[in-house]
Amino acid sequence: MPVSQAIEELVALGTALFPDGQEAMPSLEDNLRKPTEAFERMLGQHNYPIDIKLNDSRFSRPQCKT
């Protein structure tokens, strides 16, 4: 994922987790549901499976260019 796209996704996650004008204290269920939905949406938009791991053998890692 390019840096510019990663920045856009970070902003989208931030606005999903901390919406403007939130008056009431979020419930424990909201604190679990919102990040889960935001990450699942992000993974789905980029065609990654929901159950992907950081070191997933299904995907090859790019080789270091240095």
Protein backbone atom coordinates (compact mmCIF):
# COMPACT_ATOMS: atom_id res chain seq x y z
CA MET A 1 0.00 0.00 0.00
CA PRO A 2 1.50 3.37 -0.94
CA VAL A 3 2.13 5.91 1.81
CA SER A 4 -0.51 8.31 0.52
CA GLN A 5 -3.13 5.56 0.60
CA ALA A 6 -2.05 4.49 4.10
CA ILE A 7 -2.46 8.08 5.31
CA GLU A 8 -5.97 8.25 3.81
CA GLU A 9 -6.91 5.01 5.56
CA LEU A 10 -5.50 6.27 8.87
CA VAL A 11 -7.66 9.39 8.60
CA ALA A 12 -10.71 7.27 7.73
CA LEU A 13 -10.07 5.04 10.76
CA GLY A 14 -9.68 8.08 13.01
CA THR A 15 -12.96 9.60 11.88
CA ALA A 16 -14.74 6.25 12.25
CA LEU A 17 -13.44 5.77 15.79
CA PHE A 18 -13.74 9.37 16.99
CA PRO A 19 -16.66 11.05 15.16
CA ASP A 20 -17.25 14.80 15.51
CA GLY A 21 -20.03 15.90 17.80
CA GLN A 22 -20.18 12.77 19.90
CA GLU A 23 -22.05 13.90 23.01
CA ALA A 24 -22.68 10.69 24.94
CA MET A 25 -20.04 8.40 26.38
CA PRO A 26 -19.72 5.37 24.07
CA SER A 27 -20.67 2.00 25.48
CA LEU A 28 -18.29 -0.93 25.76
CA GLU A 29 -20.05 -2.57 22.82
CA ASP A 30 -19.48 0.54 20.68
CA ASN A 31 -15.81 0.58 21.66
CA LEU A 32 -15.47 -2.95 20.30
CA ARG A 33 -17.80 -2.69 17.31
CA LYS A 34 -16.52 0.55 15.76
CA PRO A 35 -12.84 -0.45 15.32
CA THR A 36 -13.84 -3.93 14.14
CA GLU A 37 -16.17 -2.54 11.48
CA ALA A 38 -13.63 0.10 10.41
CA PHE A 39 -10.82 -2.43 9.95
CA GLU A 40 -13.07 -4.92 8.17
CA ARG A 41 -14.23 -2.16 5.81
CA MET A 42 -10.63 -1.16 5.09
CA LEU A 43 -9.53 -4.74 4.44
CA GLY A 44 -12.54 -5.36 2.21
CA GLN A 45 -11.89 -2.23 0.13
CA HIS A 46 -8.36 -3.45 -0.61
CA ASN A 47 -9.42 -7.07 -1.29
CA TYR A 48 -7.75 -8.57 1.76
CA PRO A 49 -9.45 -11.36 3.72
CA ILE A 50 -10.92 -10.39 7.08
CA ASP A 51 -8.84 -13.04 8.88
CA ILE A 52 -5.46 -11.84 7.53
CA LYS A 53 -2.49 -11.88 9.91
CA LEU A 54 0.48 -9.50 9.94
CA ASN A 55 2.81 -12.30 8.85
CA ASP A 56 0.43 -14.20 6.57
CA SER A 57 1.92 -16.97 4.45
CA ARG A 58 -0.83 -16.50 1.81
CA PHE A 59 0.77 -13.23 0.71
CA SER A 60 4.36 -12.72 -0.36
CA ARG A 61 6.30 -9.92 1.25
CA PRO A 62 8.06 -7.44 -1.02
CA GLN A 63 11.82 -7.80 -1.11
CA CYS A 64 13.89 -5.14 0.59
CA LYS A 65 15.41 -2.72 -1.94
CA THR A 66 18.26 -1.47 0.22
